[in-house]
Amino acid sequence: MSKKEKNQAYSPFKVVHHMERLNLLKQNRQPVPAQVQLVISDVCNHDCSFCAYRMSGYTSNENFGILDATSQQVENNPNRKIPYEKCIEILEDCKEMGVKAIQFTGGGEPTTHKDHPKIFQKVIDLGMDLALITNGAILKPSVIETLVHAKWVRISVDAGTPEMYSKIRKIKKEKFNSTLKNISKLVEAKASSTDTDLLVGVGYVVDQNNFGEIYKFAKIASELGVDNIRIGAIFTSEGFEYHRGHHAAVVEQVQRIKDDFQSDTFTIFDAFNDRIDDLVHESPDYDNCGYMHFDTYIGGDLKVYSCCNNAYSKHGEMGSIEGQSFKEFWMSDEKVNAYNALKASDCKRCMFNAKNKFINYLLTEDPVHVNFV
């Protein structure tokens, strides 16, 4: 391939839709992602027991912690934030490249970044879709006004009582009710807006401590007036064995909350069983990861990772944008080679198996029955 052809193949200025992305992948070209997950802060105001980034020995902890040269202890809540100017540079690059959506996530808690209100607003000003995953504990009124113009916000709660909230997040139990109040304020702001299509959701990651409070929290969530609840599962190096003892109890509760609370205005997303399937599946039995070409992850360490599941891991590290722009990195041979080299079968686990298998099916020479829905 000539230099001119290569620049055309990997041009970040070509805005594409999903079918165009698939067509580029069929031609062995790497398209611009539809979405970028951006971690603006690795600092968190909570200390969740199931946080993948702070779990020693887990893949997402490999690049996350910082070794203290004096004590030789690893700091697993590093005071690491992307500077405001770099955040704006990344967002402007994303807009120019044709990225459609920005999701702020962790790493740490996005709202601990002192400039997060301006950074969130910049996404909206640039005309990209905004999404946020947050613990919701320090949502300010001005930020809530901005979030009304986001596409979706998911507040992670993961407990049905103040006592459990305190236990798993290692904070004062009074914070449970104050977080619920912040959720209520966001719901109220959405309801009073005449120009919003925001979806407000809450998250519940199941672990060995909190699995018995799923039903209790789902009832609270439905009464708060949120649009949905997502039931997930902690990923650990133990795989499915970690969940074996409470698996049946979780399945029973999820079915109960569907029976008792699901409605036209309150949706229950059962990601728990999907995650269990992924854990049982372990390493993918295919090499091509199509999903990483739709969703790119930029960590608070300014490294680009193949996906959130591989975030802060050596295996998922595609390169760094420290000292270069995201746009420059995306056009580089380094990036092209890194993406070409990654094999899904080398991943220890994958939470995008279903999506990858469907993408790979569509990339086959002549997929059958694609016109049937």
Protein backbone atom coordinates (compact mmCIF):
# COMPACT_ATOMS: atom_id res chain seq x y z
CA MET A 1 0.00 0.00 0.00
CA SER A 2 1.39 3.41 -0.99
CA LYS A 3 1.74 6.23 1.55
CA LYS A 4 -1.16 8.06 -0.13
CA GLU A 5 -3.35 4.95 0.01
CA LYS A 6 -2.40 4.38 3.65
CA ASN A 7 -3.36 7.93 4.62
CA GLN A 8 -6.71 7.48 2.88
CA ALA A 9 -7.25 4.15 4.60
CA TYR A 10 -6.63 5.49 8.08
CA SER A 11 -7.78 9.08 7.62
CA PRO A 12 -9.36 10.33 10.86
CA PHE A 13 -11.40 12.88 8.96
CA LYS A 14 -13.73 10.35 7.40
CA VAL A 15 -16.97 10.31 9.36
CA VAL A 16 -18.50 6.85 9.15
CA HIS A 17 -21.61 5.02 10.30
CA HIS A 18 -21.55 1.48 11.68
CA MET A 19 -22.08 -0.21 8.30
CA GLU A 20 -19.28 1.89 6.82
CA ARG A 21 -17.06 0.79 9.71
CA LEU A 22 -17.84 -2.82 8.88
CA ASN A 23 -17.02 -2.21 5.22
CA LEU A 24 -13.68 -0.66 6.18
CA LEU A 25 -12.91 -3.63 8.44
CA LYS A 26 -13.68 -5.97 5.54
CA GLN A 27 -11.00 -4.08 3.59
CA ASN A 28 -8.54 -4.49 6.50
CA ARG A 29 -8.78 -0.79 7.26
CA GLN A 30 -9.12 0.65 10.75
CA PRO A 31 -12.07 3.04 11.08
CA VAL A 32 -12.53 5.94 13.46
CA PRO A 33 -14.33 4.72 16.61
CA ALA A 34 -17.95 5.66 17.17
CA GLN A 35 -17.31 6.24 20.86
CA VAL A 36 -14.37 7.19 23.07
CA GLN A 37 -14.37 6.33 26.76
CA LEU A 38 -12.33 9.01 28.49
CA VAL A 39 -10.96 8.78 32.03
CA ILE A 40 -10.21 12.31 33.19
CA SER A 41 -9.40 11.28 36.78
CA ASP A 42 -7.90 8.19 38.38
CA VAL A 43 -8.68 9.56 41.85
CA CYS A 44 -11.85 8.25 43.48
CA ASN A 45 -13.72 9.53 46.52
CA HIS A 46 -14.90 5.96 47.24
CA ASP A 47 -12.90 2.78 47.77
CA CYS A 48 -15.11 0.00 46.41
CA SER A 49 -14.03 -3.51 47.33
CA PHE A 50 -14.82 -4.78 43.83
CA CYS A 51 -13.06 -2.05 41.82
CA ALA A 52 -11.13 -3.80 39.06
CA TYR A 53 -8.50 -1.07 38.88
CA ARG A 54 -7.63 -1.33 42.57
CA MET A 55 -7.74 -5.11 42.79
CA SER A 56 -4.17 -6.34 43.27
CA GLY A 57 -3.32 -9.18 40.91
CA TYR A 58 -6.10 -8.33 38.44
CA THR A 59 -5.20 -7.36 34.87
CA SER A 60 -6.68 -3.84 35.14
CA ASN A 61 -4.38 -3.11 38.08
CA GLU A 62 -1.14 -3.65 36.13
CA ASN A 63 -0.77 -0.03 34.94
CA PHE A 64 -3.07 1.61 37.46
CA GLY A 65 -1.24 1.79 40.77
CA ILE A 66 1.85 3.93 41.34
CA LEU A 67 4.82 2.55 43.24
CA ASP A 68 6.07 4.81 46.02
CA ALA A 69 9.85 4.92 45.73
CA THR A 70 10.34 5.41 49.46
CA SER A 71 7.87 2.97 51.00
CA GLN A 72 7.88 0.55 48.04
CA GLN A 73 4.11 0.36 48.49
CA VAL A 74 1.72 0.63 45.56
CA GLU A 75 -0.73 3.55 45.74
CA ASN A 76 -3.96 2.21 44.26
CA ASN A 77 -5.77 5.55 44.36
CA PRO A 78 -3.23 7.62 42.42
CA ASN A 79 -3.63 11.39 42.25
CA ARG A 80 -3.51 11.30 38.47
CA LYS A 81 -5.72 13.52 36.33
CA ILE A 82 -5.58 14.57 32.69
CA PRO A 83 -4.90 18.33 32.60
CA TYR A 84 -7.79 20.48 31.40
CA GLU A 85 -5.97 21.67 28.29
CA LYS A 86 -5.19 18.08 27.28
CA CYS A 87 -8.82 17.07 27.83
CA ILE A 88 -9.98 19.84 25.50
CA GLU A 89 -7.36 18.85 22.92
CA ILE A 90 -8.60 15.24 23.01
CA LEU A 91 -12.24 16.29 22.65
CA GLU A 92 -11.49 18.64 19.75
CA ASP A 93 -9.52 15.86 18.05
CA CYS A 94 -12.46 13.49 18.54
CA LYS A 95 -14.83 15.97 16.92
CA GLU A 96 -12.49 16.53 13.98
CA MET A 97 -11.96 12.79 13.52
CA GLY A 98 -15.69 12.08 13.41
CA VAL A 99 -16.15 10.42 16.82
CA LYS A 100 -19.85 10.57 17.71
CA ALA A 101 -19.94 10.04 21.48
CA ILE A 102 -17.82 10.60 24.59
CA GLN A 103 -18.37 8.52 27.71
CA PHE A 104 -16.72 9.74 30.92
CA THR A 105 -15.90 6.83 33.20
CA GLY A 106 -13.30 5.44 35.62
CA GLY A 107 -10.45 4.81 36.48
CA GLY A 108 -11.49 7.12 39.21
CA GLU A 109 -14.55 9.29 39.76
CA PRO A 110 -14.92 11.80 36.87
CA THR A 111 -16.47 14.47 39.10
CA THR A 112 -13.32 14.67 41.26
CA HIS A 113 -11.63 16.52 38.39
CA LYS A 114 -11.88 20.21 39.28
CA ASP A 115 -12.67 21.17 35.69
CA HIS A 116 -15.23 18.44 35.01
CA PRO A 117 -18.17 20.87 34.51
CA LYS A 118 -16.32 22.67 31.69
CA ILE A 119 -15.10 19.40 30.19
CA PHE A 120 -18.62 17.91 30.13
CA GLN A 121 -20.00 21.12 28.61
CA LYS A 122 -17.33 21.08 25.90
CA VAL A 123 -18.66 17.75 24.60
CA ILE A 124 -22.11 19.26 24.21
CA ASP A 125 -20.73 22.44 22.64
CA LEU A 126 -18.87 20.34 20.07
CA GLY A 127 -22.09 18.53 19.16
CA MET A 128 -21.05 15.07 20.35
CA ASP A 129 -23.18 12.79 22.52
CA LEU A 130 -22.31 12.85 26.22
CA ALA A 131 -22.55 9.96 28.70
CA LEU A 132 -21.33 9.63 32.27
CA ILE A 133 -20.72 6.81 34.72
CA THR A 134 -20.43 8.21 38.24
CA ASN A 135 -20.96 7.30 41.88
CA GLY A 136 -23.11 10.45 42.07
CA ALA A 137 -21.91 11.42 45.53
CA ILE A 138 -20.69 14.91 44.65
CA LEU A 139 -22.96 15.96 41.80
CA LYS A 140 -23.30 19.75 41.92
CA PRO A 141 -26.43 21.61 40.73
CA SER A 142 -24.51 23.26 37.88
CA VAL A 143 -23.32 19.86 36.64
CA ILE A 144 -26.84 18.45 36.87
CA GLU A 145 -27.98 21.30 34.60
CA THR A 146 -25.36 20.20 32.05
CA LEU A 147 -26.18 16.51 32.39
CA VAL A 148 -29.79 17.15 31.41
CA HIS A 149 -28.35 17.55 27.91
CA ALA A 150 -26.42 14.27 28.06
CA LYS A 151 -27.71 11.10 26.39
CA TRP A 152 -27.41 8.92 29.48
CA VAL A 153 -26.04 8.95 33.01
CA ARG A 154 -25.54 5.85 35.14
CA ILE A 155 -25.04 6.26 38.88
CA SER A 156 -23.33 3.31 40.56
CA VAL A 157 -24.93 2.50 43.92
CA ASP A 158 -24.52 -1.27 44.39
CA ALA A 159 -26.35 -1.52 47.73
CA GLY A 160 -29.86 -1.49 49.12
CA THR A 161 -29.07 -0.18 52.62
CA PRO A 162 -26.79 2.50 54.11
CA GLU A 163 -24.90 -0.19 56.01
CA MET A 164 -24.02 -2.19 52.89
CA TYR A 165 -23.22 0.99 50.97
CA SER A 166 -20.74 1.93 53.68
CA LYS A 167 -19.25 -1.56 53.84
CA ILE A 168 -18.49 -2.03 50.17
CA ARG A 169 -17.51 1.59 49.44
CA LYS A 170 -15.66 2.28 52.69
CA ILE A 171 -17.40 5.59 53.32
CA LYS A 172 -19.84 6.90 55.90
CA LYS A 173 -23.26 5.29 55.68
CA GLU A 174 -24.92 8.72 55.62
CA LYS A 175 -23.61 9.10 52.05
CA PHE A 176 -26.14 6.52 50.86
CA ASN A 177 -29.12 8.82 51.35
CA SER A 178 -27.28 11.89 50.07
CA THR A 179 -26.44 10.02 46.86
CA LEU A 180 -30.08 9.00 46.47
CA LYS A 181 -31.00 12.68 46.83
CA ASN A 182 -28.60 13.57 44.03
CA ILE A 183 -30.21 10.93 41.82
CA SER A 184 -33.60 12.40 42.64
CA LYS A 185 -32.38 15.90 41.73
CA LEU A 186 -31.17 14.67 38.35
CA VAL A 187 -34.51 12.95 37.71
CA GLU A 188 -36.34 16.15 38.67
CA ALA A 189 -34.12 18.29 36.43
CA LYS A 190 -34.84 15.99 33.53
CA ALA A 191 -38.58 16.11 34.19
CA SER A 192 -38.62 19.91 34.27
CA SER A 193 -36.65 20.27 31.03
CA THR A 194 -38.43 20.84 27.73
CA ASP A 195 -35.36 19.90 25.69
CA THR A 196 -33.86 16.59 26.80
CA ASP A 197 -33.67 12.95 25.82
CA LEU A 198 -31.57 11.99 28.83
CA LEU A 199 -31.88 8.49 30.26
CA VAL A 200 -31.07 8.24 33.98
CA GLY A 201 -29.92 4.81 35.08
CA VAL A 202 -28.51 3.24 38.22
CA GLY A 203 -25.96 0.46 38.44
CA TYR A 204 -25.65 -2.54 40.71
CA VAL A 205 -22.47 -4.63 40.48
CA VAL A 206 -23.02 -7.91 42.30
CA ASP A 207 -20.38 -9.28 44.65
CA GLN A 208 -20.32 -11.73 47.56
CA ASN A 209 -21.38 -9.03 50.02
CA ASN A 210 -24.28 -7.24 48.35
CA PHE A 211 -26.06 -9.97 46.35
CA GLY A 212 -28.86 -10.20 48.92
CA GLU A 213 -29.95 -6.55 48.49
CA ILE A 214 -30.67 -6.48 44.76
CA TYR A 215 -34.44 -6.58 45.18
CA LYS A 216 -34.37 -3.95 47.92
CA PHE A 217 -32.39 -1.52 45.78
CA ALA A 218 -34.49 -2.17 42.67
CA LYS A 219 -37.56 -1.10 44.67
CA ILE A 220 -35.77 2.09 45.74
CA ALA A 221 -34.68 2.78 42.15
CA SER A 222 -38.19 2.35 40.78
CA GLU A 223 -39.51 4.79 43.39
CA LEU A 224 -36.81 7.34 42.52
CA GLY A 225 -38.20 7.52 39.01
CA VAL A 226 -35.04 6.55 37.14
CA ASP A 227 -35.35 5.08 33.66
CA ASN A 228 -33.46 1.87 34.23
CA ILE A 229 -31.33 -0.32 36.46
CA ARG A 230 -28.38 -2.39 35.27
CA ILE A 231 -27.49 -5.53 37.22
CA GLY A 232 -23.89 -6.55 36.55
CA ALA A 233 -21.28 -8.87 38.04
CA ILE A 234 -17.82 -8.31 39.42
CA PHE A 235 -15.03 -9.73 37.26
CA THR A 236 -12.23 -11.33 39.26
CA SER A 237 -9.34 -13.64 38.45
CA GLU A 238 -11.42 -16.42 40.09
CA GLY A 239 -13.87 -16.31 37.20
CA PHE A 240 -17.26 -17.99 37.67
CA GLU A 241 -16.13 -19.71 40.88
CA TYR A 242 -16.42 -16.37 42.66
CA HIS A 243 -20.16 -16.21 41.87
CA ARG A 244 -21.04 -19.90 42.16
CA GLY A 245 -22.35 -19.71 45.73
CA HIS A 246 -24.81 -16.85 45.13
CA HIS A 247 -25.58 -17.34 41.44
CA ALA A 248 -29.01 -18.93 41.98
CA ALA A 249 -30.03 -16.26 44.52
CA VAL A 250 -29.16 -13.48 42.09
CA VAL A 251 -31.05 -15.09 39.21
CA GLU A 252 -34.11 -15.43 41.45
CA GLN A 253 -33.98 -11.78 42.53
CA VAL A 254 -33.51 -10.50 39.00
CA GLN A 255 -36.60 -12.41 37.90
CA ARG A 256 -38.56 -11.01 40.87
CA ILE A 257 -37.66 -7.41 40.09
CA LYS A 258 -38.65 -7.95 36.46
CA ASP A 259 -41.99 -9.33 37.59
CA ASP A 260 -42.62 -6.63 40.20
CA PHE A 261 -41.06 -3.43 38.84
CA GLN A 262 -40.38 -3.55 35.11
CA SER A 263 -42.69 -1.29 33.15
CA ASP A 264 -42.84 1.00 30.13
CA THR A 265 -40.97 3.62 32.17
CA PHE A 266 -38.57 1.43 34.15
CA THR A 267 -36.30 -1.03 32.35
CA ILE A 268 -34.23 -3.76 34.00
CA PHE A 269 -31.03 -4.70 32.20
CA ASP A 270 -29.86 -8.14 33.25
CA ALA A 271 -26.13 -7.92 32.52
CA PHE A 272 -25.42 -10.36 35.35
CA ASN A 273 -26.20 -13.47 33.36
CA ASP A 274 -24.31 -12.07 30.36
CA ARG A 275 -21.25 -11.50 32.54
CA ILE A 276 -21.53 -14.99 34.02
CA ASP A 277 -21.55 -16.42 30.50
CA ASP A 278 -18.44 -14.37 29.72
CA LEU A 279 -16.69 -15.64 32.84
CA VAL A 280 -17.55 -19.25 32.03
CA HIS A 281 -16.36 -18.68 28.47
CA GLU A 282 -13.03 -17.25 29.73
CA SER A 283 -10.63 -16.42 26.86
CA PRO A 284 -12.40 -15.84 23.52
CA ASP A 285 -12.23 -18.68 21.00
CA TYR A 286 -11.68 -16.23 18.13
CA ASP A 287 -8.80 -13.91 17.25
CA ASN A 288 -10.45 -10.88 15.68
CA CYS A 289 -11.76 -8.21 18.05
CA GLY A 290 -14.15 -6.06 16.06
CA TYR A 291 -15.51 -4.23 19.09
CA MET A 292 -12.28 -2.31 19.72
CA HIS A 293 -12.79 -0.52 16.39
CA PHE A 294 -16.11 0.88 17.59
CA ASP A 295 -15.14 1.96 21.12
CA THR A 296 -11.73 3.33 22.21
CA TYR A 297 -10.59 3.76 25.82
CA ILE A 298 -8.24 6.56 26.96
CA GLY A 299 -6.97 6.11 30.51
CA GLY A 300 -6.07 8.74 33.05
CA ASP A 301 -2.44 7.71 32.43
CA LEU A 302 -2.85 9.05 28.85
CA LYS A 303 -2.49 5.57 27.43
CA VAL A 304 -4.90 4.27 24.83
CA TYR A 305 -6.34 0.82 25.55
CA SER A 306 -8.19 -1.60 23.31
CA CYS A 307 -11.32 -1.56 25.50
CA CYS A 308 -12.53 -0.97 29.05
CA ASN A 309 -12.07 -4.67 29.85
CA ASN A 310 -8.37 -4.39 28.97
CA ALA A 311 -7.95 -0.95 30.54
CA TYR A 312 -4.71 -0.39 32.45
CA SER A 313 -3.42 -3.81 31.41
CA LYS A 314 -0.20 -4.50 29.52
CA HIS A 315 -2.08 -6.66 27.04
CA GLY A 316 -4.60 -3.93 26.22
CA GLU A 317 -2.08 -1.09 25.93
CA MET A 318 -2.11 0.29 22.38
CA GLY A 319 0.14 3.32 22.90
CA SER A 320 0.38 6.68 24.63
CA ILE A 321 -0.85 10.19 23.78
CA GLU A 322 1.49 11.81 26.27
CA GLY A 323 3.62 14.07 24.10
CA GLN A 324 1.39 13.72 21.05
CA SER A 325 -2.23 14.39 20.23
CA PHE A 326 -4.88 11.69 20.01
CA LYS A 327 -5.25 12.52 16.32
CA GLU A 328 -1.51 12.10 15.74
CA PHE A 329 -1.53 8.78 17.56
CA TRP A 330 -4.50 7.55 15.56
CA MET A 331 -2.68 8.30 12.28
CA SER A 332 0.56 6.65 13.40
CA ASP A 333 2.08 3.35 12.33
CA GLU A 334 2.38 2.57 16.05
CA LYS A 335 -1.38 2.61 16.42
CA VAL A 336 -2.08 0.66 13.24
CA ASN A 337 0.44 -2.02 14.17
CA ALA A 338 -0.78 -2.29 17.76
CA TYR A 339 -4.39 -2.81 16.70
CA ASN A 340 -3.36 -5.32 14.04
CA ALA A 341 -1.32 -7.27 16.57
CA LEU A 342 -3.96 -7.69 19.28
CA LYS A 343 -5.59 -11.12 19.33
CA ALA A 344 -8.84 -11.52 21.23
CA SER A 345 -7.88 -15.09 22.09
CA ASP A 346 -5.02 -13.68 24.20
CA CYS A 347 -7.48 -11.76 26.41
CA LYS A 348 -8.08 -13.49 29.75
CA ARG A 349 -11.78 -12.70 29.57
CA CYS A 350 -14.15 -10.64 27.41
CA MET A 351 -17.40 -8.88 28.22
CA PHE A 352 -18.09 -8.23 24.54
CA ASN A 353 -18.21 -11.81 23.28
CA ALA A 354 -21.72 -11.55 21.86
CA LYS A 355 -20.94 -8.30 20.05
CA ASN A 356 -17.65 -9.61 18.70
CA LYS A 357 -19.20 -12.81 17.41
CA PHE A 358 -21.89 -10.84 15.61
CA ILE A 359 -19.34 -8.43 14.13
CA ASN A 360 -17.17 -11.34 13.00
CA TYR A 361 -20.22 -12.99 11.43
CA LEU A 362 -20.95 -9.83 9.44
CA LEU A 363 -17.31 -9.72 8.31
CA THR A 364 -17.45 -13.17 6.73
CA GLU A 365 -17.28 -13.46 2.95
CA ASP A 366 -21.00 -13.91 2.39
CA PRO A 367 -22.98 -13.98 5.68
CA VAL A 368 -26.36 -15.64 5.22
CA HIS A 369 -29.75 -14.40 6.40
CA VAL A 370 -28.50 -10.85 7.15
CA ASN A 371 -31.72 -9.41 5.76
CA PHE A 372 -33.86 -11.17 8.38
CA VAL A 373 -34.44 -9.39 11.69
